[in-house]
Amino acid sequence: MKKVLVLEDEANIRSFVVINLKRAGYEAIEAATGEEALAQLRRNPDIKVALLDIMLPDDMDGFEVCRRIRASDSKIGIIMLTARTQEMDKVTGLMTGADDYVTKPFSPAELTARVDALYRRTGGDVEMDTGEISQPPFLLNTRNRTLEKNGARVKLTQVEYSIMKLFMDNPGKALSREEILDAVWGRDYFGELKIVDVNIRRLRIKIEDDPTNPSYITTVWGYGYKWGF
């Protein structure tokens, strides 16, 4: 079974999520608190995707859980669940390491589509490529889905890896936000274009010599981004 962690303190919402995940072929691993979620991840290292509610009853909110997961695991896919609609919450969740967000209330179809897309990004449903893409100072290993800059490993999430591979497959080509969204998140993605911009911002922090003056991922104003080779 494909395992998904569900961190949600409200039992009725958690049950709704679990039932729909099971119908879609997933095994849901449940948690009601941040500490319980981290413990479940330790017990189930084969979990590929985590759904994290932001508002939790204990001292550890969903943002902190996300940070702690990312500190030890760059491969797992993370979706934030929130009842809030403020833009800052969405951006905060993505900048702390989440790959996507779903705003409550959400439909079962939307939720499972997001999980399906992210599960594919983690390599859970597809065979990995075999080879390397070398564009100094970067080396992308498509077999183990890793990136090096000047020989040093750059820690990427699987979504960030997918964006890097898209760029390195298309050096010098201007890619629209819509093209990036379709290629990385899938054509059936329900979300907003803003998720592309936030992930690019996060990626620049990791790979650019000066993220405020990027030389590798450049902005094509009013259109999208270009890998500057």
Protein backbone atom coordinates (compact mmCIF):
# COMPACT_ATOMS: atom_id res chain seq x y z
CA MET A 1 0.00 0.00 0.00
CA LYS A 2 1.09 3.57 -0.71
CA LYS A 3 1.39 5.30 2.66
CA VAL A 4 0.27 8.88 3.40
CA LEU A 5 0.58 10.60 6.78
CA VAL A 6 -2.52 12.56 7.84
CA LEU A 7 -1.88 15.10 10.63
CA GLU A 8 -5.22 16.65 11.59
CA ASP A 9 -6.43 17.30 15.15
CA GLU A 10 -10.15 17.42 14.28
CA ALA A 11 -11.31 13.80 14.25
CA ASN A 12 -14.20 14.32 11.81
CA ILE A 13 -11.99 16.05 9.24
CA ARG A 14 -9.28 13.43 9.70
CA SER A 15 -11.81 10.64 9.14
CA PHE A 16 -13.08 12.36 5.98
CA VAL A 17 -9.52 12.60 4.63
CA VAL A 18 -8.66 9.01 5.59
CA ILE A 19 -11.78 7.53 4.00
CA ASN A 20 -11.14 9.31 0.70
CA LEU A 21 -7.48 8.38 0.65
CA LYS A 22 -8.38 4.73 1.22
CA ARG A 23 -10.87 4.88 -1.65
CA ALA A 24 -8.04 6.19 -3.84
CA GLY A 25 -5.79 3.27 -2.92
CA TYR A 26 -3.68 4.79 -0.15
CA GLU A 27 -2.95 3.60 3.37
CA ALA A 28 -3.52 6.54 5.73
CA ILE A 29 -1.28 6.81 8.80
CA GLU A 30 -3.10 9.04 11.30
CA ALA A 31 -1.83 11.59 13.81
CA ALA A 32 -3.61 14.22 15.95
CA THR A 33 -0.55 16.15 17.22
CA GLY A 34 2.79 17.23 15.86
CA GLU A 35 4.73 14.91 18.17
CA GLU A 36 2.53 11.99 17.14
CA ALA A 37 3.11 12.79 13.47
CA LEU A 38 6.89 12.80 13.90
CA ALA A 39 6.67 9.50 15.81
CA GLN A 40 4.57 7.95 13.03
CA LEU A 41 7.16 9.02 10.46
CA ARG A 42 9.89 7.32 12.48
CA ARG A 43 7.80 4.14 12.65
CA ASN A 44 6.87 4.31 8.95
CA PRO A 45 9.92 5.46 6.98
CA ASP A 46 8.20 4.39 3.73
CA ILE A 47 5.62 7.21 3.96
CA LYS A 48 5.88 9.16 0.68
CA VAL A 49 3.47 12.06 1.30
CA ALA A 50 2.44 13.96 4.45
CA LEU A 51 -0.73 16.06 4.86
CA LEU A 52 -0.14 18.56 7.66
CA ASP A 53 -2.82 20.72 9.27
CA ILE A 54 -1.44 24.14 10.23
CA MET A 55 -3.57 24.81 13.31
CA LEU A 56 -2.85 22.21 16.01
CA PRO A 57 -3.76 22.08 19.73
CA ASP A 58 -0.23 21.66 21.11
CA ASP A 59 2.82 23.92 21.00
CA MET A 60 3.96 22.54 17.65
CA ASP A 61 1.97 23.86 14.67
CA GLY A 62 2.04 22.47 11.16
CA PHE A 63 4.76 24.88 10.07
CA GLU A 64 7.10 23.57 12.79
CA VAL A 65 6.28 19.96 11.92
CA CYS A 66 7.12 20.77 8.30
CA ARG A 67 10.46 22.32 9.29
CA ARG A 68 11.39 19.31 11.40
CA ILE A 69 10.49 16.85 8.64
CA ARG A 70 12.50 18.81 6.09
CA ALA A 71 15.51 18.97 8.44
CA SER A 72 15.86 15.19 8.16
CA ASP A 73 14.03 14.24 4.95
CA SER A 74 14.15 16.12 1.65
CA LYS A 75 12.41 13.37 -0.32
CA ILE A 76 8.96 13.19 1.28
CA GLY A 77 6.15 15.22 -0.31
CA ILE A 78 4.39 17.69 2.02
CA ILE A 79 0.94 19.26 1.59
CA MET A 80 -0.29 21.84 4.12
CA LEU A 81 -3.98 21.75 5.12
CA THR A 82 -5.39 25.05 6.31
CA ALA A 83 -8.75 26.69 6.91
CA ARG A 84 -7.15 30.09 6.42
CA THR A 85 -7.18 31.89 3.11
CA GLN A 86 -4.52 34.53 3.82
CA GLU A 87 -1.77 34.59 1.21
CA MET A 88 0.91 34.80 3.92
CA ASP A 89 -0.05 31.41 5.35
CA LYS A 90 0.31 29.81 1.92
CA VAL A 91 3.68 31.44 1.33
CA THR A 92 4.89 30.60 4.85
CA GLY A 93 3.97 26.94 4.39
CA LEU A 94 5.83 26.73 1.09
CA MET A 95 8.89 28.57 2.37
CA THR A 96 9.17 26.23 5.37
CA GLY A 97 9.48 23.33 2.95
CA ALA A 98 5.97 22.31 1.89
CA ASP A 99 5.36 21.36 -1.73
CA ASP A 100 1.69 22.31 -1.94
CA TYR A 101 -1.28 23.53 0.09
CA VAL A 102 -5.01 22.79 0.18
CA THR A 103 -7.47 25.25 1.69
CA LYS A 104 -10.44 23.87 3.63
CA PRO A 105 -13.11 23.07 2.68
CA PHE A 106 -11.80 20.92 -0.16
CA SER A 107 -13.42 18.26 -2.31
CA PRO A 108 -12.32 14.61 -2.23
CA ALA A 109 -11.39 14.86 -5.92
CA GLU A 110 -9.16 17.87 -5.29
CA LEU A 111 -7.42 16.26 -2.32
CA THR A 112 -6.70 12.95 -4.05
CA ALA A 113 -5.54 14.73 -7.22
CA ARG A 114 -3.02 16.74 -5.17
CA VAL A 115 -1.80 13.61 -3.37
CA ASP A 116 -1.57 11.64 -6.64
CA ALA A 117 0.47 14.40 -8.31
CA LEU A 118 2.86 14.75 -5.38
CA TYR A 119 3.23 10.99 -4.98
CA ARG A 120 4.36 10.83 -8.59
CA ARG A 121 6.86 13.62 -7.92
CA THR A 122 8.45 11.60 -5.11
CA GLY A 123 9.17 8.79 -7.55
CA GLY A 124 6.63 6.53 -5.88
CA ASP A 125 4.90 5.57 -9.12
CA VAL A 126 7.60 5.87 -11.75
CA GLU A 127 10.94 4.38 -12.53
CA MET A 128 13.83 6.78 -12.18
CA ASP A 129 15.93 7.90 -15.13
CA THR A 130 19.47 6.68 -15.45
CA GLY A 131 22.04 9.33 -16.27
CA GLU A 132 23.40 12.78 -15.53
CA ILE A 133 22.92 16.31 -16.82
CA SER A 134 26.07 18.38 -16.49
CA GLN A 135 25.87 22.17 -16.78
CA PRO A 136 28.80 23.50 -14.71
CA PRO A 137 28.85 24.33 -11.88
CA PHE A 138 25.77 22.04 -11.63
CA LEU A 139 25.49 18.28 -11.98
CA LEU A 140 22.04 16.70 -11.90
CA ASN A 141 22.00 12.96 -11.26
CA THR A 142 18.74 11.66 -12.72
CA ARG A 143 19.22 8.18 -11.30
CA ASN A 144 19.19 9.14 -7.62
CA ARG A 145 17.48 12.52 -8.23
CA THR A 146 20.17 14.69 -6.66
CA LEU A 147 21.88 17.99 -7.51
CA GLU A 148 25.45 19.08 -6.92
CA LYS A 149 26.93 22.56 -7.24
CA ASN A 150 30.73 22.68 -7.49
CA GLY A 151 30.78 19.11 -6.20
CA ALA A 152 28.73 19.87 -3.09
CA ARG A 153 25.27 18.34 -2.65
CA VAL A 154 22.34 20.77 -2.71
CA LYS A 155 19.48 19.49 -0.57
CA LEU A 156 16.30 19.62 -2.69
CA THR A 157 12.72 18.54 -2.20
CA GLN A 158 11.33 16.35 -4.96
CA VAL A 159 9.34 19.28 -6.39
CA GLU A 160 12.49 21.42 -6.43
CA TYR A 161 14.33 18.57 -8.16
CA SER A 162 11.58 18.39 -10.81
CA ILE A 163 11.86 22.13 -11.43
CA MET A 164 15.64 21.89 -11.75
CA LYS A 165 15.37 18.99 -14.20
CA LEU A 166 12.84 20.94 -16.28
CA PHE A 167 15.20 23.93 -16.42
CA MET A 168 18.30 21.85 -17.18
CA ASP A 169 16.42 20.00 -19.92
CA ASN A 170 15.60 23.41 -21.47
CA PRO A 171 18.70 25.62 -21.11
CA GLY A 172 18.20 29.16 -22.37
CA LYS A 173 14.49 28.65 -23.04
CA ALA A 174 11.93 30.95 -21.45
CA LEU A 175 9.33 28.81 -19.68
CA SER A 176 5.97 30.27 -18.76
CA ARG A 177 4.56 29.78 -15.27
CA GLU A 178 1.82 27.66 -16.85
CA GLU A 179 4.38 25.41 -18.56
CA ILE A 180 6.26 24.92 -15.29
CA LEU A 181 3.03 24.20 -13.41
CA ASP A 182 1.89 21.62 -15.98
CA ALA A 183 5.29 19.90 -16.15
CA VAL A 184 5.95 19.73 -12.40
CA TRP A 185 2.53 19.56 -10.75
CA GLY A 186 0.57 17.97 -13.62
CA ARG A 187 -2.11 19.20 -15.99
CA ASP A 188 -4.86 18.21 -13.56
CA TYR A 189 -3.46 20.44 -10.80
CA PHE A 190 -6.15 22.47 -9.05
CA GLY A 191 -3.97 25.17 -7.50
CA GLU A 192 -2.67 28.63 -8.26
CA LEU A 193 0.27 29.87 -10.33
CA LYS A 194 1.67 31.49 -7.19
CA ILE A 195 3.01 28.11 -6.09
CA VAL A 196 5.50 28.30 -8.98
CA ASP A 197 6.84 31.69 -7.85
CA VAL A 198 7.27 30.60 -4.23
CA ASN A 199 9.10 27.42 -5.20
CA ILE A 200 11.38 29.40 -7.52
CA ARG A 201 12.13 31.79 -4.64
CA ARG A 202 12.97 28.84 -2.39
CA LEU A 203 15.11 27.24 -5.10
CA ARG A 204 17.06 30.45 -5.68
CA ILE A 205 17.96 30.59 -1.99
CA LYS A 206 19.53 27.15 -2.36
CA ILE A 207 21.40 27.46 -5.65
CA GLU A 208 22.17 31.12 -6.37
CA ASP A 209 25.37 32.84 -5.25
CA ASP A 210 23.21 35.90 -4.54
CA PRO A 211 19.47 35.05 -4.41
CA THR A 212 18.56 38.76 -4.59
CA ASN A 213 20.43 39.05 -7.89
CA PRO A 214 19.93 35.62 -9.53
CA SER A 215 22.19 34.60 -12.39
CA TYR A 216 21.00 31.02 -12.97
CA ILE A 217 17.18 31.27 -12.71
CA THR A 218 16.29 34.59 -14.28
CA THR A 219 12.86 36.19 -14.45
CA VAL A 220 11.19 36.81 -17.79
CA TRP A 221 8.89 39.62 -16.71
CA GLY A 222 5.20 39.06 -17.35
CA TYR A 223 5.87 35.53 -18.58
CA GLY A 224 7.91 33.16 -16.42
CA TYR A 225 11.51 32.08 -15.89
CA LYS A 226 14.61 31.06 -17.82
CA TRP A 227 17.55 28.84 -16.88
CA GLY A 228 20.39 31.21 -17.66
CA PHE A 229 22.74 29.09 -19.76
